[in-house]
């Protein structure tokens, strides 16, 4: 049987510290440009230095989707909506001192690709699936 091990490290040991963020007043066009420029799946939404939400590529796609409800909106109207209109305000976050098992559990439970690392209501990093992959071990 294969033994599954997550290295005994803390979030602060593997997180990305240089965080790209966006403000709630930014337009969806601004968010779209950031997603194209940077290869991140999500950006924390920061207002006055504090995290107030998160926007993902899926949130941006939802703004373009008619889904099961018809929504009258032109392409340019959609791009002029604000990040605050589509961001998620229920934020799953971790602290720098959490262990990697906690991050894995949250990512699986909530189907997340990345999680903001928050300390004193301020984003100090991001941790992604890619950050975790090199710290997962499979032993025979």
N, C-alpha and C. Protein backbone atom coordinates (compact mmCIF):
# COMPACT_ATOMS: atom_id res chain seq x y z
N UNK A 1 0.84 -1.18 0.00
CA UNK A 1 0.00 0.00 0.00
C UNK A 1 0.89 1.25 0.00
N UNK A 2 0.51 2.23 -0.77
CA UNK A 2 1.27 3.48 -0.87
C UNK A 2 0.95 4.37 0.33
N UNK A 3 2.00 4.89 0.92
CA UNK A 3 1.86 5.80 2.06
C UNK A 3 1.82 7.23 1.53
N UNK A 4 0.81 8.00 1.96
CA UNK A 4 0.66 9.38 1.52
C UNK A 4 1.10 10.30 2.65
N UNK A 5 2.02 11.19 2.32
CA UNK A 5 2.60 12.08 3.34
C UNK A 5 2.59 13.51 2.82
N UNK A 6 2.21 14.42 3.71
CA UNK A 6 2.35 15.85 3.42
C UNK A 6 3.48 16.33 4.32
N UNK A 7 4.47 16.97 3.73
CA UNK A 7 5.61 17.45 4.52
C UNK A 7 5.13 18.32 5.68
N UNK A 8 5.83 18.20 6.79
CA UNK A 8 5.49 18.95 8.00
C UNK A 8 6.05 20.37 7.89
N UNK A 9 5.35 21.19 7.11
CA UNK A 9 5.74 22.58 6.90
C UNK A 9 4.57 23.48 7.22
N UNK A 10 4.86 24.74 7.40
CA UNK A 10 3.84 25.75 7.64
C UNK A 10 3.57 26.50 6.35
N UNK A 11 2.42 27.12 6.29
CA UNK A 11 2.02 27.91 5.12
C UNK A 11 3.10 28.94 4.79
N UNK A 12 3.64 29.60 5.81
CA UNK A 12 4.64 30.65 5.58
C UNK A 12 5.89 30.13 4.88
N UNK A 13 6.13 28.82 4.95
CA UNK A 13 7.31 28.22 4.31
C UNK A 13 7.15 28.04 2.81
N UNK A 14 5.91 28.00 2.32
CA UNK A 14 5.70 27.70 0.90
C UNK A 14 4.83 28.71 0.16
N UNK A 15 4.24 29.66 0.87
CA UNK A 15 3.32 30.61 0.23
C UNK A 15 4.07 31.57 -0.70
N UNK A 16 3.34 32.15 -1.62
CA UNK A 16 3.86 33.22 -2.47
C UNK A 16 3.64 34.52 -1.72
N UNK A 17 4.71 35.27 -1.52
CA UNK A 17 4.62 36.49 -0.72
C UNK A 17 4.27 37.73 -1.55
N UNK A 18 4.68 37.76 -2.79
CA UNK A 18 4.38 38.91 -3.65
C UNK A 18 2.98 38.73 -4.23
N UNK A 19 2.01 39.32 -3.56
CA UNK A 19 0.61 39.12 -3.92
C UNK A 19 0.13 40.23 -4.84
N UNK A 20 -0.49 39.82 -5.93
CA UNK A 20 -1.15 40.77 -6.82
C UNK A 20 -2.59 40.89 -6.33
N UNK A 21 -3.07 42.09 -6.11
CA UNK A 21 -4.41 42.31 -5.61
C UNK A 21 -5.13 43.32 -6.49
N UNK A 22 -6.43 43.41 -6.30
CA UNK A 22 -7.27 44.34 -7.05
C UNK A 22 -8.21 45.02 -6.07
N UNK A 23 -8.70 46.20 -6.41
CA UNK A 23 -9.61 46.91 -5.51
C UNK A 23 -11.05 46.67 -5.94
N UNK A 24 -12.00 46.83 -5.04
CA UNK A 24 -13.41 46.56 -5.37
C UNK A 24 -13.98 47.49 -6.44
N UNK A 25 -13.42 48.69 -6.57
CA UNK A 25 -13.92 49.64 -7.55
C UNK A 25 -13.38 49.39 -8.96
N UNK A 26 -12.40 48.50 -9.08
CA UNK A 26 -11.85 48.18 -10.41
C UNK A 26 -12.94 47.58 -11.27
N UNK A 27 -12.84 47.78 -12.59
CA UNK A 27 -13.83 47.22 -13.51
C UNK A 27 -13.48 45.78 -13.83
N UNK A 28 -14.45 45.08 -14.39
CA UNK A 28 -14.18 43.71 -14.84
C UNK A 28 -13.18 43.71 -15.98
N UNK A 29 -13.13 44.81 -16.72
CA UNK A 29 -12.11 44.93 -17.77
C UNK A 29 -10.72 44.94 -17.13
N UNK A 30 -10.58 45.66 -16.02
CA UNK A 30 -9.30 45.67 -15.29
C UNK A 30 -8.94 44.26 -14.81
N UNK A 31 -9.92 43.56 -14.25
CA UNK A 31 -9.69 42.19 -13.77
C UNK A 31 -9.30 41.28 -14.93
N UNK A 32 -10.01 41.40 -16.04
CA UNK A 32 -9.71 40.60 -17.22
C UNK A 32 -8.27 40.81 -17.68
N UNK A 33 -7.85 42.06 -17.71
CA UNK A 33 -6.48 42.37 -18.12
C UNK A 33 -5.46 41.77 -17.14
N UNK A 34 -5.77 41.81 -15.84
CA UNK A 34 -4.86 41.21 -14.86
C UNK A 34 -4.77 39.70 -15.03
N UNK A 35 -5.91 39.05 -15.27
CA UNK A 35 -5.89 37.60 -15.48
C UNK A 35 -5.09 37.23 -16.72
N UNK A 36 -5.15 38.08 -17.74
CA UNK A 36 -4.38 37.81 -18.95
C UNK A 36 -2.89 38.06 -18.74
N UNK A 37 -2.55 39.07 -17.96
CA UNK A 37 -1.15 39.43 -17.75
C UNK A 37 -0.44 38.48 -16.78
N UNK A 38 -1.14 38.06 -15.73
CA UNK A 38 -0.55 37.22 -14.70
C UNK A 38 -1.23 35.86 -14.72
N UNK A 39 -0.48 34.82 -14.51
CA UNK A 39 -1.03 33.47 -14.56
C UNK A 39 -1.51 33.03 -13.18
N UNK A 40 -2.48 33.77 -12.64
CA UNK A 40 -3.08 33.42 -11.35
C UNK A 40 -4.54 33.08 -11.58
N UNK A 41 -5.08 32.22 -10.74
CA UNK A 41 -6.48 31.86 -10.85
C UNK A 41 -7.39 32.83 -10.09
N UNK A 42 -6.82 33.54 -9.13
CA UNK A 42 -7.63 34.46 -8.33
C UNK A 42 -6.79 35.62 -7.82
N UNK A 43 -7.49 36.68 -7.48
CA UNK A 43 -6.85 37.84 -6.87
C UNK A 43 -7.65 38.23 -5.63
N UNK A 44 -6.96 38.51 -4.53
CA UNK A 44 -7.68 39.05 -3.38
C UNK A 44 -8.15 40.47 -3.71
N UNK A 45 -9.30 40.81 -3.18
CA UNK A 45 -9.84 42.16 -3.37
C UNK A 45 -9.57 42.92 -2.08
N UNK A 46 -8.79 43.98 -2.21
CA UNK A 46 -8.31 44.73 -1.05
C UNK A 46 -8.91 46.13 -1.04
N UNK A 47 -9.44 46.52 0.12
CA UNK A 47 -9.97 47.86 0.31
C UNK A 47 -9.38 48.43 1.60
N UNK A 48 -8.72 49.55 1.48
CA UNK A 48 -8.10 50.19 2.63
C UNK A 48 -7.16 49.24 3.38
N UNK A 49 -6.43 48.42 2.62
CA UNK A 49 -5.45 47.51 3.20
C UNK A 49 -6.01 46.21 3.72
N UNK A 50 -7.34 46.04 3.70
CA UNK A 50 -7.96 44.83 4.24
C UNK A 50 -8.62 44.02 3.14
N UNK A 51 -8.61 42.70 3.30
CA UNK A 51 -9.26 41.84 2.32
C UNK A 51 -10.77 41.91 2.51
N UNK A 52 -11.48 42.18 1.42
CA UNK A 52 -12.93 42.27 1.46
C UNK A 52 -13.60 41.25 0.55
N UNK A 53 -12.78 40.55 -0.24
CA UNK A 53 -13.32 39.55 -1.15
C UNK A 53 -12.23 38.90 -1.95
N UNK A 54 -12.65 38.05 -2.86
CA UNK A 54 -11.72 37.40 -3.78
C UNK A 54 -12.43 37.27 -5.12
N UNK A 55 -11.70 37.46 -6.21
CA UNK A 55 -12.27 37.28 -7.54
C UNK A 55 -11.46 36.21 -8.25
N UNK A 56 -12.18 35.27 -8.86
CA UNK A 56 -11.53 34.18 -9.59
C UNK A 56 -11.85 34.29 -11.07
N UNK A 57 -11.14 33.52 -11.86
CA UNK A 57 -11.45 33.48 -13.29
C UNK A 57 -12.89 33.00 -13.50
N UNK A 58 -13.34 32.07 -12.67
CA UNK A 58 -14.71 31.58 -12.79
C UNK A 58 -15.72 32.69 -12.50
N UNK A 59 -15.44 33.54 -11.53
CA UNK A 59 -16.32 34.69 -11.25
C UNK A 59 -16.43 35.59 -12.48
N UNK A 60 -15.31 35.81 -13.14
CA UNK A 60 -15.31 36.64 -14.35
C UNK A 60 -16.11 35.97 -15.46
N UNK A 61 -15.94 34.66 -15.62
CA UNK A 61 -16.72 33.93 -16.62
C UNK A 61 -18.21 34.01 -16.34
N UNK A 62 -18.58 33.94 -15.07
CA UNK A 62 -20.00 34.01 -14.70
C UNK A 62 -20.62 35.34 -15.14
N UNK A 63 -19.83 36.39 -15.15
CA UNK A 63 -20.34 37.70 -15.58
C UNK A 63 -20.74 37.68 -17.06
N UNK A 64 -20.17 36.76 -17.82
CA UNK A 64 -20.47 36.65 -19.25
C UNK A 64 -21.55 35.61 -19.54
N UNK A 65 -21.91 34.83 -18.56
CA UNK A 65 -22.84 33.71 -18.76
C UNK A 65 -24.28 34.16 -18.58
N UNK A 66 -25.13 33.71 -19.48
CA UNK A 66 -26.56 33.94 -19.31
C UNK A 66 -27.14 32.88 -18.38
N UNK A 67 -26.47 31.73 -18.31
CA UNK A 67 -26.93 30.67 -17.43
C UNK A 67 -28.37 30.30 -17.70
N UNK A 68 -29.10 29.99 -16.65
CA UNK A 68 -30.50 29.61 -16.81
C UNK A 68 -31.42 30.82 -16.77
N UNK A 69 -30.87 31.98 -16.42
CA UNK A 69 -31.67 33.20 -16.37
C UNK A 69 -31.19 34.14 -17.47
N UNK A 70 -32.10 34.72 -18.17
CA UNK A 70 -31.71 35.68 -19.20
C UNK A 70 -31.30 36.98 -18.54
N UNK A 71 -30.20 37.50 -18.97
CA UNK A 71 -29.69 38.74 -18.40
C UNK A 71 -29.36 39.70 -19.54
N UNK A 72 -30.02 40.83 -19.59
CA UNK A 72 -29.75 41.80 -20.65
C UNK A 72 -28.49 42.57 -20.30
N UNK A 73 -27.47 42.32 -21.06
CA UNK A 73 -26.22 43.03 -20.85
C UNK A 73 -25.39 42.91 -22.11
N UNK A 74 -24.88 44.01 -22.55
CA UNK A 74 -24.00 43.96 -23.71
C UNK A 74 -22.58 43.66 -23.24
N UNK A 75 -21.74 43.31 -24.16
CA UNK A 75 -20.35 43.01 -23.86
C UNK A 75 -19.69 44.17 -23.12
N UNK A 76 -19.90 45.39 -23.58
CA UNK A 76 -19.25 46.54 -22.95
C UNK A 76 -19.84 46.86 -21.59
N UNK A 77 -21.14 46.62 -21.43
CA UNK A 77 -21.74 46.82 -20.11
C UNK A 77 -21.14 45.83 -19.10
N UNK A 78 -20.95 44.61 -19.54
CA UNK A 78 -20.36 43.59 -18.67
C UNK A 78 -18.97 44.02 -18.23
N UNK A 79 -18.18 44.51 -19.16
CA UNK A 79 -16.81 44.89 -18.81
C UNK A 79 -16.76 46.15 -17.95
N UNK A 80 -17.84 46.90 -17.89
CA UNK A 80 -17.83 48.10 -17.05
C UNK A 80 -18.34 47.82 -15.64
N UNK A 81 -18.86 46.60 -15.37
CA UNK A 81 -19.26 46.25 -14.02
C UNK A 81 -18.03 46.26 -13.12
N UNK A 82 -18.26 46.44 -11.85
CA UNK A 82 -17.15 46.51 -10.91
C UNK A 82 -16.83 45.13 -10.33
N UNK A 83 -15.60 44.97 -9.90
CA UNK A 83 -15.16 43.76 -9.25
C UNK A 83 -16.07 43.45 -8.07
N UNK A 84 -16.47 44.47 -7.33
CA UNK A 84 -17.33 44.27 -6.16
C UNK A 84 -18.68 43.64 -6.52
N UNK A 85 -19.09 43.74 -7.80
CA UNK A 85 -20.36 43.14 -8.23
C UNK A 85 -20.28 41.63 -8.37
N UNK A 86 -19.08 41.10 -8.60
CA UNK A 86 -18.95 39.67 -8.88
C UNK A 86 -18.03 38.93 -7.90
N UNK A 87 -17.31 39.66 -7.07
CA UNK A 87 -16.36 39.01 -6.16
C UNK A 87 -17.10 38.17 -5.12
N UNK A 88 -16.39 37.23 -4.55
CA UNK A 88 -16.92 36.43 -3.46
C UNK A 88 -16.53 37.09 -2.15
N UNK A 89 -17.49 37.24 -1.27
CA UNK A 89 -17.18 37.86 0.02
C UNK A 89 -17.03 36.82 1.13
N UNK A 90 -17.47 35.61 0.88
CA UNK A 90 -17.24 34.52 1.83
C UNK A 90 -15.85 33.97 1.50
N UNK A 91 -14.88 34.38 2.27
CA UNK A 91 -13.48 34.08 1.96
C UNK A 91 -12.97 32.95 2.83
N UNK A 92 -12.43 31.93 2.19
CA UNK A 92 -11.72 30.89 2.91
C UNK A 92 -10.26 31.32 2.93
N UNK A 93 -9.69 31.46 4.11
CA UNK A 93 -8.29 31.88 4.21
C UNK A 93 -7.56 31.03 5.23
N UNK A 94 -6.25 31.10 5.20
CA UNK A 94 -5.41 30.42 6.17
C UNK A 94 -4.45 31.44 6.76
N UNK A 95 -3.82 31.05 7.86
CA UNK A 95 -2.82 31.93 8.47
C UNK A 95 -1.42 31.41 8.13
N UNK A 96 -0.41 32.24 8.25
CA UNK A 96 0.95 31.81 7.94
C UNK A 96 1.42 30.62 8.78
N UNK A 97 0.87 30.44 9.96
CA UNK A 97 1.31 29.36 10.84
C UNK A 97 0.50 28.08 10.71
N UNK A 98 -0.51 28.07 9.84
CA UNK A 98 -1.26 26.83 9.61
C UNK A 98 -0.37 25.80 8.94
N UNK A 99 -0.68 24.52 9.17
CA UNK A 99 0.08 23.47 8.50
C UNK A 99 -0.48 23.21 7.11
N UNK A 100 0.29 22.52 6.29
CA UNK A 100 -0.12 22.27 4.91
C UNK A 100 -1.34 21.36 4.84
N UNK A 101 -1.51 20.48 5.83
CA UNK A 101 -2.69 19.61 5.84
C UNK A 101 -3.97 20.44 5.86
N UNK A 102 -3.98 21.51 6.62
CA UNK A 102 -5.15 22.40 6.68
C UNK A 102 -5.46 22.97 5.31
N UNK A 103 -4.42 23.39 4.60
CA UNK A 103 -4.60 23.96 3.26
C UNK A 103 -5.16 22.91 2.31
N UNK A 104 -4.59 21.71 2.34
CA UNK A 104 -5.07 20.62 1.48
C UNK A 104 -6.55 20.35 1.78
N UNK A 105 -6.89 20.26 3.06
CA UNK A 105 -8.27 19.99 3.44
C UNK A 105 -9.22 21.06 2.93
N UNK A 106 -8.86 22.33 3.06
CA UNK A 106 -9.70 23.43 2.58
C UNK A 106 -9.83 23.40 1.06
N UNK A 107 -8.72 23.17 0.37
CA UNK A 107 -8.77 23.15 -1.09
C UNK A 107 -9.69 22.05 -1.60
N UNK A 108 -9.62 20.90 -0.97
CA UNK A 108 -10.46 19.78 -1.39
C UNK A 108 -11.92 20.04 -1.00
N UNK A 109 -12.15 20.45 0.23
CA UNK A 109 -13.51 20.66 0.74
C UNK A 109 -14.26 21.73 -0.06
N UNK A 110 -13.58 22.82 -0.40
CA UNK A 110 -14.24 23.95 -1.06
C UNK A 110 -13.88 24.08 -2.54
N UNK A 111 -13.18 23.08 -3.10
CA UNK A 111 -12.78 23.07 -4.52
C UNK A 111 -12.06 24.37 -4.91
N UNK A 112 -11.05 24.72 -4.13
CA UNK A 112 -10.29 25.96 -4.37
C UNK A 112 -8.97 25.67 -5.06
N UNK A 113 -8.53 26.58 -5.89
CA UNK A 113 -7.21 26.47 -6.54
C UNK A 113 -6.15 27.25 -5.79
N UNK A 114 -6.57 28.27 -5.07
CA UNK A 114 -5.64 29.06 -4.28
C UNK A 114 -6.38 29.67 -3.10
N UNK A 115 -5.62 29.99 -2.06
CA UNK A 115 -6.21 30.52 -0.83
C UNK A 115 -5.37 31.69 -0.35
N UNK A 116 -6.01 32.79 0.02
CA UNK A 116 -5.24 33.89 0.59
C UNK A 116 -4.71 33.54 1.98
N UNK A 117 -3.52 34.02 2.26
CA UNK A 117 -2.91 33.86 3.58
C UNK A 117 -3.10 35.20 4.28
N UNK A 118 -3.84 35.16 5.39
CA UNK A 118 -4.25 36.40 6.06
C UNK A 118 -3.73 36.42 7.49
N UNK A 119 -3.19 37.58 7.85
CA UNK A 119 -2.73 37.81 9.22
C UNK A 119 -3.20 39.20 9.63
N UNK A 120 -3.93 39.27 10.74
CA UNK A 120 -4.49 40.55 11.20
C UNK A 120 -5.32 41.24 10.12
N UNK A 121 -6.16 40.47 9.44
CA UNK A 121 -7.07 40.98 8.41
C UNK A 121 -6.34 41.56 7.20
N UNK A 122 -5.07 41.24 7.03
CA UNK A 122 -4.29 41.71 5.88
C UNK A 122 -3.71 40.51 5.13
N UNK A 123 -3.76 40.59 3.82
CA UNK A 123 -3.20 39.51 3.00
C UNK A 123 -1.69 39.61 3.01
N UNK A 124 -1.04 38.53 3.44
CA UNK A 124 0.42 38.49 3.49
C UNK A 124 0.99 37.49 2.48
N UNK A 125 0.10 36.77 1.79
CA UNK A 125 0.54 35.81 0.80
C UNK A 125 -0.64 35.09 0.17
N UNK A 126 -0.30 34.23 -0.77
CA UNK A 126 -1.28 33.34 -1.40
C UNK A 126 -0.63 31.96 -1.45
N UNK A 127 -1.45 30.93 -1.34
CA UNK A 127 -0.94 29.57 -1.49
C UNK A 127 -1.82 28.85 -2.50
N UNK A 128 -1.18 28.18 -3.45
CA UNK A 128 -1.92 27.55 -4.55
C UNK A 128 -1.67 26.05 -4.56
N UNK A 129 -2.43 25.37 -5.39
CA UNK A 129 -2.24 23.93 -5.57
C UNK A 129 -0.80 23.65 -6.00
N UNK A 130 -0.29 24.47 -6.91
CA UNK A 130 1.09 24.27 -7.38
C UNK A 130 2.09 24.39 -6.24
N UNK A 131 1.84 25.33 -5.31
CA UNK A 131 2.74 25.48 -4.17
C UNK A 131 2.78 24.22 -3.32
N UNK A 132 1.67 23.50 -3.26
CA UNK A 132 1.57 22.30 -2.43
C UNK A 132 2.14 21.06 -3.08
N UNK A 133 2.03 20.95 -4.38
CA UNK A 133 2.34 19.70 -5.08
C UNK A 133 3.74 19.15 -4.77
N UNK A 134 4.73 20.02 -4.67
CA UNK A 134 6.09 19.54 -4.41
C UNK A 134 6.30 19.06 -2.98
N UNK A 135 5.29 19.27 -2.13
CA UNK A 135 5.41 18.87 -0.73
C UNK A 135 4.53 17.67 -0.38
N UNK A 136 3.98 17.04 -1.42
CA UNK A 136 3.22 15.80 -1.25
C UNK A 136 4.12 14.64 -1.60
N UNK A 137 4.17 13.65 -0.75
CA UNK A 137 5.04 12.50 -0.98
C UNK A 137 4.22 11.23 -1.03
N UNK A 138 4.60 10.35 -1.96
CA UNK A 138 4.00 9.03 -2.07
C UNK A 138 5.12 8.01 -1.92
N UNK A 139 5.02 7.16 -0.92
CA UNK A 139 6.06 6.16 -0.66
C UNK A 139 5.44 4.77 -0.70
N UNK A 140 6.21 3.85 -1.28
CA UNK A 140 5.76 2.44 -1.29
C UNK A 140 6.13 1.75 -0.01
